[in-house]
């Protein structure tokens, strides 16, 4: 629902969290971390299969971000006024006509 609100109102999407940050956020929600050093230690102790799960989550969020960013930029291009032609543009238009 939050994503629709961003897209409809033209709010610039935020960059997604990386793999390690996703891991830290999940562990912090469960109150399994004491501090950042504890988080780094637990990250290094993870098996490759578990790290792959976080990598997949990160990749999914990254793809969603790219899609929202593309829609945002298209919407902004429609709204943004066009730049006026430069003095060289005026000069060339007079000479051509």
PDB file of N, CA and C in Angstrom:
ATOM      1  N   UNK A   1       0.821  -1.184   0.000  1.00  0.00           N
ATOM      2  CA  UNK A   1       0.000   0.000   0.000  1.00  0.00           C
ATOM      3  C   UNK A   1       0.872   1.258   0.000  1.00  0.00           C
ATOM      4  N   UNK A   2       1.956   1.212   0.754  1.00  0.00           N
ATOM      5  CA  UNK A   2       2.867   2.344   0.824  1.00  0.00           C
ATOM      6  C   UNK A   2       3.470   2.635  -0.552  1.00  0.00           C
ATOM      7  N   UNK A   3       3.724   1.574  -1.312  1.00  0.00           N
ATOM      8  CA  UNK A   3       4.316   1.743  -2.634  1.00  0.00           C
ATOM      9  C   UNK A   3       3.355   2.480  -3.567  1.00  0.00           C
ATOM     10  N   UNK A   4       2.068   2.154  -3.489  1.00  0.00           N
ATOM     11  CA  UNK A   4       1.079   2.830  -4.322  1.00  0.00           C
ATOM     12  C   UNK A   4       1.007   4.306  -3.977  1.00  0.00           C
ATOM     13  N   UNK A   5       1.069   4.613  -2.709  1.00  0.00           N
ATOM     14  CA  UNK A   5       1.043   6.011  -2.270  1.00  0.00           C
ATOM     15  C   UNK A   5       2.214   6.775  -2.867  1.00  0.00           C
ATOM     16  N   UNK A   6       3.400   6.169  -2.857  1.00  0.00           N
ATOM     17  CA  UNK A   6       4.575   6.819  -3.438  1.00  0.00           C
ATOM     18  C   UNK A   6       4.384   7.062  -4.929  1.00  0.00           C
ATOM     19  N   UNK A   7       3.907   6.056  -5.627  1.00  0.00           N
ATOM     20  CA  UNK A   7       3.760   6.167  -7.072  1.00  0.00           C
ATOM     21  C   UNK A   7       2.688   7.173  -7.473  1.00  0.00           C
ATOM     22  N   UNK A   8       1.569   7.168  -6.774  1.00  0.00           N
ATOM     23  CA  UNK A   8       0.465   8.054  -7.116  1.00  0.00           C
ATOM     24  C   UNK A   8       0.817   9.512  -6.850  1.00  0.00           C
ATOM     25  N   UNK A   9       1.465   9.776  -5.734  1.00  0.00           N
ATOM     26  CA  UNK A   9       1.758  11.147  -5.345  1.00  0.00           C
ATOM     27  C   UNK A   9       3.096  11.664  -5.857  1.00  0.00           C
ATOM     28  N   UNK A  10       3.806  10.852  -6.603  1.00  0.00           N
ATOM     29  CA  UNK A  10       5.062  11.308  -7.180  1.00  0.00           C
ATOM     30  C   UNK A  10       6.168  11.519  -6.167  1.00  0.00           C
ATOM     31  N   UNK A  11       6.179  10.718  -5.117  1.00  0.00           N
ATOM     32  CA  UNK A  11       7.229  10.815  -4.107  1.00  0.00           C
ATOM     33  C   UNK A  11       8.420  10.007  -4.588  1.00  0.00           C
ATOM     34  N   UNK A  12       9.600  10.615  -4.524  1.00  0.00           N
ATOM     35  CA  UNK A  12      10.806   9.932  -4.983  1.00  0.00           C
ATOM     36  C   UNK A  12      11.050   8.699  -4.112  1.00  0.00           C
ATOM     37  N   UNK A  13      11.220   7.537  -4.741  1.00  0.00           N
ATOM     38  CA  UNK A  13      11.433   6.317  -3.958  1.00  0.00           C
ATOM     39  C   UNK A  13      12.781   6.327  -3.248  1.00  0.00           C
ATOM     40  N   UNK A  14      12.832   5.664  -2.113  1.00  0.00           N
ATOM     41  CA  UNK A  14      14.070   5.568  -1.336  1.00  0.00           C
ATOM     42  C   UNK A  14      14.846   4.331  -1.780  1.00  0.00           C
ATOM     43  N   UNK A  15      16.169   4.438  -1.735  1.00  0.00           N
ATOM     44  CA  UNK A  15      17.014   3.295  -2.072  1.00  0.00           C
ATOM     45  C   UNK A  15      16.768   2.191  -1.057  1.00  0.00           C
ATOM     46  N   UNK A  16      16.741   0.937  -1.523  1.00  0.00           N
ATOM     47  CA  UNK A  16      16.497  -0.164  -0.595  1.00  0.00           C
ATOM     48  C   UNK A  16      17.718  -0.468   0.264  1.00  0.00           C
ATOM     49  N   UNK A  17      17.473  -1.147   1.362  1.00  0.00           N
ATOM     50  CA  UNK A  17      18.559  -1.556   2.251  1.00  0.00           C
ATOM     51  C   UNK A  17      19.347  -2.684   1.605  1.00  0.00           C
ATOM     52  N   UNK A  18      20.609  -2.761   1.939  1.00  0.00           N
ATOM     53  CA  UNK A  18      21.466  -3.821   1.426  1.00  0.00           C
ATOM     54  C   UNK A  18      21.249  -5.115   2.184  1.00  0.00           C
ATOM     55  N   UNK A  19      21.959  -6.144   1.766  1.00  0.00           N
ATOM     56  CA  UNK A  19      21.817  -7.475   2.346  1.00  0.00           C
ATOM     57  C   UNK A  19      22.118  -7.481   3.844  1.00  0.00           C
ATOM     58  N   UNK A  20      23.242  -6.901   4.222  1.00  0.00           N
ATOM     59  CA  UNK A  20      23.643  -6.894   5.626  1.00  0.00           C
ATOM     60  C   UNK A  20      22.674  -6.090   6.473  1.00  0.00           C
ATOM     61  N   UNK A  21      22.203  -4.971   5.940  1.00  0.00           N
ATOM     62  CA  UNK A  21      21.271  -4.135   6.699  1.00  0.00           C
ATOM     63  C   UNK A  21      19.932  -4.853   6.893  1.00  0.00           C
ATOM     64  N   UNK A  22      19.483  -5.599   5.886  1.00  0.00           N
ATOM     65  CA  UNK A  22      18.247  -6.374   6.026  1.00  0.00           C
ATOM     66  C   UNK A  22      18.406  -7.383   7.153  1.00  0.00           C
ATOM     67  N   UNK A  23      19.560  -8.050   7.181  1.00  0.00           N
ATOM     68  CA  UNK A  23      19.860  -9.010   8.241  1.00  0.00           C
ATOM     69  C   UNK A  23      19.805  -8.332   9.610  1.00  0.00           C
ATOM     70  N   UNK A  24      20.462  -7.174   9.719  1.00  0.00           N
ATOM     71  CA  UNK A  24      20.480  -6.459  11.004  1.00  0.00           C
ATOM     72  C   UNK A  24      19.078  -6.035  11.438  1.00  0.00           C
ATOM     73  N   UNK A  25      18.275  -5.562  10.483  1.00  0.00           N
ATOM     74  CA  UNK A  25      16.923  -5.118  10.818  1.00  0.00           C
ATOM     75  C   UNK A  25      16.070  -6.278  11.324  1.00  0.00           C
ATOM     76  N   UNK A  26      16.190  -7.438  10.678  1.00  0.00           N
ATOM     77  CA  UNK A  26      15.401  -8.595  11.116  1.00  0.00           C
ATOM     78  C   UNK A  26      15.823  -9.051  12.512  1.00  0.00           C
ATOM     79  N   UNK A  27      17.113  -9.079  12.741  1.00  0.00           N
ATOM     80  CA  UNK A  27      17.607  -9.511  14.058  1.00  0.00           C
ATOM     81  C   UNK A  27      17.250  -8.480  15.137  1.00  0.00           C
ATOM     82  N   UNK A  28      17.278  -7.209  14.795  1.00  0.00           N
ATOM     83  CA  UNK A  28      16.944  -6.162  15.763  1.00  0.00           C
ATOM     84  C   UNK A  28      15.460  -6.231  16.139  1.00  0.00           C
ATOM     85  N   UNK A  29      14.606  -6.570  15.182  1.00  0.00           N
ATOM     86  CA  UNK A  29      13.176  -6.691  15.491  1.00  0.00           C
ATOM     87  C   UNK A  29      12.923  -7.804  16.501  1.00  0.00           C
ATOM     88  N   UNK A  30      13.750  -8.855  16.437  1.00  0.00           N
ATOM     89  CA  UNK A  30      13.593  -9.988  17.348  1.00  0.00           C
ATOM     90  C   UNK A  30      14.415  -9.809  18.626  1.00  0.00           C
ATOM     91  N   UNK A  31      15.072  -8.645  18.768  1.00  0.00           N
ATOM     92  CA  UNK A  31      15.906  -8.335  19.934  1.00  0.00           C
ATOM     93  C   UNK A  31      17.018  -9.369  20.127  1.00  0.00           C
ATOM     94  N   UNK A  32      17.631  -9.798  19.023  1.00  0.00           N
ATOM     95  CA  UNK A  32      18.696 -10.795  19.091  1.00  0.00           C
ATOM     96  C   UNK A  32      20.082 -10.163  19.038  1.00  0.00           C
ATOM     97  N   UNK A  33      20.161  -8.849  18.926  1.00  0.00           N
ATOM     98  CA  UNK A  33      21.448  -8.183  18.807  1.00  0.00           C
ATOM     99  C   UNK A  33      21.715  -7.278  20.002  1.00  0.00           C
ATOM    100  N   UNK A  34      22.983  -7.257  20.421  1.00  0.00           N
ATOM    101  CA  UNK A  34      23.388  -6.345  21.490  1.00  0.00           C
ATOM    102  C   UNK A  34      23.880  -5.031  20.891  1.00  0.00           C
ATOM    103  N   UNK A  35      24.716  -5.147  19.861  1.00  0.00           N
ATOM    104  CA  UNK A  35      25.265  -3.972  19.197  1.00  0.00           C
ATOM    105  C   UNK A  35      25.710  -4.354  17.787  1.00  0.00           C
ATOM    106  N   UNK A  36      26.318  -3.431  17.092  1.00  0.00           N
ATOM    107  CA  UNK A  36      26.731  -3.666  15.715  1.00  0.00           C
ATOM    108  C   UNK A  36      27.802  -4.748  15.621  1.00  0.00           C
ATOM    109  N   UNK A  37      28.715  -4.773  16.564  1.00  0.00           N
ATOM    110  CA  UNK A  37      29.769  -5.796  16.549  1.00  0.00           C
ATOM    111  C   UNK A  37      29.172  -7.194  16.678  1.00  0.00           C
ATOM    112  N   UNK A  38      28.154  -7.316  17.508  1.00  0.00           N
ATOM    113  CA  UNK A  38      27.459  -8.591  17.666  1.00  0.00           C
ATOM    114  C   UNK A  38      26.794  -8.976  16.342  1.00  0.00           C
ATOM    115  N   UNK A  39      26.217  -7.984  15.652  1.00  0.00           N
ATOM    116  CA  UNK A  39      25.592  -8.239  14.362  1.00  0.00           C
ATOM    117  C   UNK A  39      26.597  -8.695  13.318  1.00  0.00           C
ATOM    118  N   UNK A  40      27.769  -8.061  13.299  1.00  0.00           N
ATOM    119  CA  UNK A  40      28.817  -8.461  12.350  1.00  0.00           C
ATOM    120  C   UNK A  40      29.274  -9.893  12.620  1.00  0.00           C
ATOM    121  N   UNK A  41      29.407 -10.214  13.895  1.00  0.00           N
ATOM    122  CA  UNK A  41      29.845 -11.562  14.252  1.00  0.00           C
ATOM    123  C   UNK A  41      28.811 -12.598  13.816  1.00  0.00           C
ATOM    124  N   UNK A  42      27.532 -12.314  14.074  1.00  0.00           N
ATOM    125  CA  UNK A  42      26.484 -13.261  13.680  1.00  0.00           C
ATOM    126  C   UNK A  42      26.393 -13.379  12.162  1.00  0.00           C
ATOM    127  N   UNK A  43      26.620 -12.269  11.451  1.00  0.00           N
ATOM    128  CA  UNK A  43      26.598 -12.297   9.977  1.00  0.00           C
ATOM    129  C   UNK A  43      27.715 -13.211   9.457  1.00  0.00           C
ATOM    130  N   UNK A  44      28.894 -13.100  10.049  1.00  0.00           N
ATOM    131  CA  UNK A  44      30.023 -13.919   9.617  1.00  0.00           C
ATOM    132  C   UNK A  44      29.832 -15.397   9.951  1.00  0.00           C
ATOM    133  N   UNK A  45      29.027 -15.676  10.957  1.00  0.00           N
ATOM    134  CA  UNK A  45      28.759 -17.066  11.351  1.00  0.00           C
ATOM    135  C   UNK A  45      27.656 -17.709  10.507  1.00  0.00           C
ATOM    136  N   UNK A  46      26.925 -16.923   9.743  1.00  0.00           N
ATOM    137  CA  UNK A  46      25.831 -17.476   8.935  1.00  0.00           C
ATOM    138  C   UNK A  46      26.358 -18.417   7.863  1.00  0.00           C
ATOM    139  N   UNK A  47      25.541 -19.419   7.545  1.00  0.00           N
ATOM    140  CA  UNK A  47      25.870 -20.323   6.445  1.00  0.00           C
ATOM    141  C   UNK A  47      25.563 -19.625   5.134  1.00  0.00           C
ATOM    142  N   UNK A  48      26.159 -20.105   4.069  1.00  0.00           N
ATOM    143  CA  UNK A  48      25.971 -19.503   2.748  1.00  0.00           C
ATOM    144  C   UNK A  48      24.506 -19.564   2.299  1.00  0.00           C
ATOM    145  N   UNK A  49      23.804 -20.632   2.657  1.00  0.00           N
ATOM    146  CA  UNK A  49      22.388 -20.755   2.266  1.00  0.00           C
ATOM    147  C   UNK A  49      21.552 -19.654   2.916  1.00  0.00           C
ATOM    148  N   UNK A  50      21.857 -19.364   4.178  1.00  0.00           N
ATOM    149  CA  UNK A  50      21.111 -18.316   4.880  1.00  0.00           C
ATOM    150  C   UNK A  50      21.447 -16.942   4.310  1.00  0.00           C
ATOM    151  N   UNK A  51      22.707 -16.732   3.947  1.00  0.00           N
ATOM    152  CA  UNK A  51      23.090 -15.462   3.330  1.00  0.00           C
ATOM    153  C   UNK A  51      22.409 -15.292   1.978  1.00  0.00           C
ATOM    154  N   UNK A  52      22.230 -16.396   1.256  1.00  0.00           N
ATOM    155  CA  UNK A  52      21.547 -16.354  -0.039  1.00  0.00           C
ATOM    156  C   UNK A  52      20.108 -15.866   0.104  1.00  0.00           C
ATOM    157  N   UNK A  53      19.441 -16.258   1.201  1.00  0.00           N
ATOM    158  CA  UNK A  53      18.067 -15.806   1.432  1.00  0.00           C
ATOM    159  C   UNK A  53      18.021 -14.283   1.566  1.00  0.00           C
ATOM    160  N   UNK A  54      18.963 -13.740   2.317  1.00  0.00           N
ATOM    161  CA  UNK A  54      19.019 -12.282   2.483  1.00  0.00           C
ATOM    162  C   UNK A  54      19.399 -11.601   1.175  1.00  0.00           C
ATOM    163  N   UNK A  55      20.250 -12.263   0.400  1.00  0.00           N
ATOM    164  CA  UNK A  55      20.634 -11.714  -0.895  1.00  0.00           C
ATOM    165  C   UNK A  55      19.430 -11.665  -1.836  1.00  0.00           C
ATOM    166  N   UNK A  56      18.586 -12.681  -1.795  1.00  0.00           N
ATOM    167  CA  UNK A  56      17.377 -12.708  -2.626  1.00  0.00           C
ATOM    168  C   UNK A  56      16.413 -11.599  -2.207  1.00  0.00           C
ATOM    169  N   UNK A  57      16.256 -11.395  -0.903  1.00  0.00           N
ATOM    170  CA  UNK A  57      15.388 -10.317  -0.418  1.00  0.00           C
ATOM    171  C   UNK A  57      15.909  -8.966  -0.894  1.00  0.00           C
ATOM    172  N   UNK A  58      17.219  -8.791  -0.789  1.00  0.00           N
ATOM    173  CA  UNK A  58      17.839  -7.543  -1.220  1.00  0.00           C
ATOM    174  C   UNK A  58      17.638  -7.329  -2.723  1.00  0.00           C
ATOM    175  N   UNK A  59      17.787  -8.384  -3.497  1.00  0.00           N
ATOM    176  CA  UNK A  59      17.619  -8.288  -4.946  1.00  0.00           C
ATOM    177  C   UNK A  59      16.170  -7.942  -5.298  1.00  0.00           C
ATOM    178  N   UNK A  60      15.221  -8.548  -4.599  1.00  0.00           N
ATOM    179  CA  UNK A  60      13.807  -8.259  -4.840  1.00  0.00           C
ATOM    180  C   UNK A  60      13.497  -6.793  -4.545  1.00  0.00           C
ATOM    181  N   UNK A  61      14.006  -6.299  -3.421  1.00  0.00           N
ATOM    182  CA  UNK A  61      13.793  -4.894  -3.075  1.00  0.00           C
ATOM    183  C   UNK A  61      14.457  -3.966  -4.083  1.00  0.00           C
ATOM    184  N   UNK A  62      15.603  -4.370  -4.593  1.00  0.00           N
ATOM    185  CA  UNK A  62      16.319  -3.565  -5.577  1.00  0.00           C
ATOM    186  C   UNK A  62      15.534  -3.472  -6.887  1.00  0.00           C
ATOM    187  N   UNK A  63      14.960  -4.585  -7.313  1.00  0.00           N
ATOM    188  CA  UNK A  63      14.152  -4.573  -8.542  1.00  0.00           C
ATOM    189  C   UNK A  63      12.910  -3.706  -8.373  1.00  0.00           C
ATOM    190  N   UNK A  64      12.276  -3.806  -7.205  1.00  0.00           N
ATOM    191  CA  UNK A  64      11.093  -2.977  -6.947  1.00  0.00           C
ATOM    192  C   UNK A  64      11.478  -1.503  -6.951  1.00  0.00           C
ATOM    193  N   UNK A  65      12.640  -1.178  -6.384  1.00  0.00           N
ATOM    194  CA  UNK A  65      13.120   0.205  -6.364  1.00  0.00           C
ATOM    195  C   UNK A  65      13.355   0.710  -7.781  1.00  0.00           C
ATOM    196  N   UNK A  66      13.984  -0.100  -8.623  1.00  0.00           N
ATOM    197  CA  UNK A  66      14.253   0.319 -10.007  1.00  0.00           C
ATOM    198  C   UNK A  66      12.949   0.579 -10.760  1.00  0.00           C
ATOM    199  N   UNK A  67      11.945  -0.258 -10.518  1.00  0.00           N
ATOM    200  CA  UNK A  67      10.651  -0.086 -11.177  1.00  0.00           C
ATOM    201  C   UNK A  67       9.982   1.216 -10.713  1.00  0.00           C
ATOM    202  N   UNK A  68       9.968   1.441  -9.388  1.00  0.00           N
ATOM    203  CA  UNK A  68       9.358   2.661  -8.852  1.00  0.00           C
ATOM    204  C   UNK A  68      10.104   3.903  -9.322  1.00  0.00           C
ATOM    205  N   UNK A  69      11.420   3.811  -9.416  1.00  0.00           N
ATOM    206  CA  UNK A  69      12.223   4.944  -9.874  1.00  0.00           C
ATOM    207  C   UNK A  69      11.917   5.265 -11.331  1.00  0.00           C
ATOM    208  N   UNK A  70      11.754   4.226 -12.156  1.00  0.00           N
ATOM    209  CA  UNK A  70      11.434   4.417 -13.568  1.00  0.00           C
ATOM    210  C   UNK A  70      10.080   5.126 -13.712  1.00  0.00           C
ATOM    211  N   UNK A  71       9.087   4.684 -12.956  1.00  0.00           N
ATOM    212  CA  UNK A  71       7.762   5.305 -13.009  1.00  0.00           C
ATOM    213  C   UNK A  71       7.838   6.745 -12.516  1.00  0.00           C
ATOM    214  N   UNK A  72       8.585   6.986 -11.449  1.00  0.00           N
ATOM    215  CA  UNK A  72       8.746   8.325 -10.901  1.00  0.00           C
ATOM    216  C   UNK A  72       9.366   9.256 -11.943  1.00  0.00           C
ATOM    217  N   UNK A  73      10.417   8.803 -12.605  1.00  0.00           N
ATOM    218  CA  UNK A  73      11.090   9.648 -13.595  1.00  0.00           C
ATOM    219  C   UNK A  73      10.191   9.944 -14.793  1.00  0.00           C
ATOM    220  N   UNK A  74       9.385   8.975 -15.218  1.00  0.00           N
ATOM    221  CA  UNK A  74       8.442   9.227 -16.314  1.00  0.00           C
ATOM    222  C   UNK A  74       7.409  10.265 -15.905  1.00  0.00           C
ATOM    223  N   UNK A  75       6.931  10.157 -14.670  1.00  0.00           N
ATOM    224  CA  UNK A  75       5.922  11.088 -14.172  1.00  0.00           C
ATOM    225  C   UNK A  75       6.503  12.494 -14.071  1.00  0.00           C
ATOM    226  N   UNK A  76       7.746  12.599 -13.595  1.00  0.00           N
ATOM    227  CA  UNK A  76       8.397  13.898 -13.440  1.00  0.00           C
ATOM    228  C   UNK A  76       8.649  14.532 -14.806  1.00  0.00           C
ATOM    229  N   UNK A  77       9.037  13.733 -15.796  1.00  0.00           N
ATOM    230  CA  UNK A  77       9.280  14.280 -17.131  1.00  0.00           C
ATOM    231  C   UNK A  77       8.028  14.930 -17.709  1.00  0.00           C
ATOM    232  N   UNK A  78       6.861  14.343 -17.424  1.00  0.00           N
ATOM    233  CA  UNK A  78       5.613  14.911 -17.927  1.00  0.00           C
ATOM    234  C   UNK A  78       5.298  16.243 -17.246  1.00  0.00           C
ATOM    235  N   UNK A  79       5.621  16.354 -15.975  1.00  0.00           N
ATOM    236  CA  UNK A  79       5.297  17.545 -15.195  1.00  0.00           C
ATOM    237  C   UNK A  79       6.312  18.657 -15.411  1.00  0.00           C
ATOM    238  N   UNK A  80       7.581  18.292 -15.491  1.00  0.00           N
ATOM    239  CA  UNK A  80       8.669  19.268 -15.567  1.00  0.00           C
ATOM    240  C   UNK A  80       8.524  20.127 -16.826  1.00  0.00           C
ATOM    241  N   UNK A  81       8.627  21.433 -16.685  1.00  0.00           N
ATOM    242  CA  UNK A  81       8.529  22.294 -17.871  1.00  0.00           C
ATOM    243  C   UNK A  81       9.764  22.127 -18.759  1.00  0.00           C
ATOM    244  N   UNK A  82       9.547  22.327 -20.054  1.00  0.00           N
ATOM    245  CA  UNK A  82      10.658  22.210 -20.991  1.00  0.00           C
ATOM    246  C   UNK A  82      11.558  23.430 -20.861  1.00  0.00           C
ATOM    247  N   UNK A  83      12.837  23.229 -21.096  1.00  0.00           N
ATOM    248  CA  UNK A  83      13.791  24.332 -21.040  1.00  0.00           C
ATOM    249  C   UNK A  83      13.584  25.224 -22.257  1.00  0.00           C
ATOM    250  N   UNK A  84      13.699  26.505 -22.072  1.00  0.00           N
ATOM    251  CA  UNK A  84      13.587  27.390 -23.229  1.00  0.00           C
ATOM    252  C   UNK A  84      14.822  27.230 -24.118  1.00  0.00           C
ATOM    253  N   UNK A  85      14.677  27.475 -25.401  1.00  0.00           N
ATOM    254  CA  UNK A  85      15.822  27.336 -26.283  1.00  0.00           C
ATOM    255  C   UNK A  85      16.915  28.352 -25.934  1.00  0.00           C
ATOM    256  N   UNK A  86      18.138  27.978 -26.193  1.00  0.00           N
ATOM    257  CA  UNK A  86      19.260  28.865 -25.892  1.00  0.00           C
ATOM    258  C   UNK A  86      19.334  29.978 -26.939  1.00  0.00           C
ATOM    259  N   UNK A  87      20.226  30.929 -26.717  1.00  0.00           N
ATOM    260  CA  UNK A  87      20.390  32.021 -27.672  1.00  0.00           C
ATOM    261  C   UNK A  87      20.858  31.476 -29.024  1.00  0.00           C
ATOM    262  N   UNK A  88      21.663  30.448 -29.007  1.00  0.00           N
ATOM    263  CA  UNK A  88      22.095  29.821 -30.260  1.00  0.00           C
ATOM    264  C   UNK A  88      20.900  29.220 -30.986  1.00  0.00           C
ATOM    265  N   UNK A  89      19.977  28.642 -30.221  1.00  0.00           N
ATOM    266  CA  UNK A  89      18.770  28.074 -30.814  1.00  0.00           C
ATOM    267  C   UNK A  89      17.933  29.153 -31.493  1.00  0.00           C
ATOM    268  N   UNK A  90      17.760  30.292 -30.826  1.00  0.00           N
ATOM    269  CA  UNK A  90      17.026  31.411 -31.438  1.00  0.00           C
ATOM    270  C   UNK A  90      17.715  31.877 -32.719  1.00  0.00           C
ATOM    271  N   UNK A  91      19.032  32.008 -32.653  1.00  0.00           N
ATOM    272  CA  UNK A  91      19.803  32.470 -33.810  1.00  0.00           C
ATOM    273  C   UNK A  91      19.632  31.512 -34.988  1.00  0.00           C
ATOM    274  N   UNK A  92      19.756  30.225 -34.742  1.00  0.00           N
ATOM    275  CA  UNK A  92      19.629  29.236 -35.808  1.00  0.00           C
ATOM    276  C   UNK A  92      18.203  29.235 -36.379  1.00  0.00           C
ATOM    277  N   UNK A  93      17.214  29.439 -35.515  1.00  0.00           N
ATOM    278  CA  UNK A  93      15.827  29.467 -35.977  1.00  0.00           C
ATOM    279  C   UNK A  93      15.595  30.661 -36.892  1.00  0.00           C
ATOM    280  N   UNK A  94      16.169  31.834 -36.558  1.00  0.00           N
ATOM    281  CA  UNK A  94      16.026  33.034 -37.405  1.00  0.00           C
ATOM    282  C   UNK A  94      16.706  32.840 -38.752  1.00  0.00           C
ATOM    283  N   UNK A  95      17.901  32.277 -38.750  1.00  0.00           N
ATOM    284  CA  UNK A  95      18.645  32.082 -39.995  1.00  0.00           C
ATOM    285  C   UNK A  95      17.994  31.064 -40.893  1.00  0.00           C
ATOM    286  N   UNK A  96      17.390  30.059 -40.285  1.00  0.00           N
ATOM    287  CA  UNK A  96      16.754  29.001 -41.057  1.00  0.00           C
ATOM    288  C   UNK A  96      15.473  29.518 -41.699  1.00  0.00           C
ATOM    289  N   UNK A  97      14.705  30.328 -40.988  1.00  0.00           N
ATOM    290  CA  UNK A  97      13.414  30.798 -41.458  1.00  0.00           C
ATOM    291  C   UNK A  97      13.556  31.982 -42.329  1.00  0.00           C
TER     292      UNK A  97
END
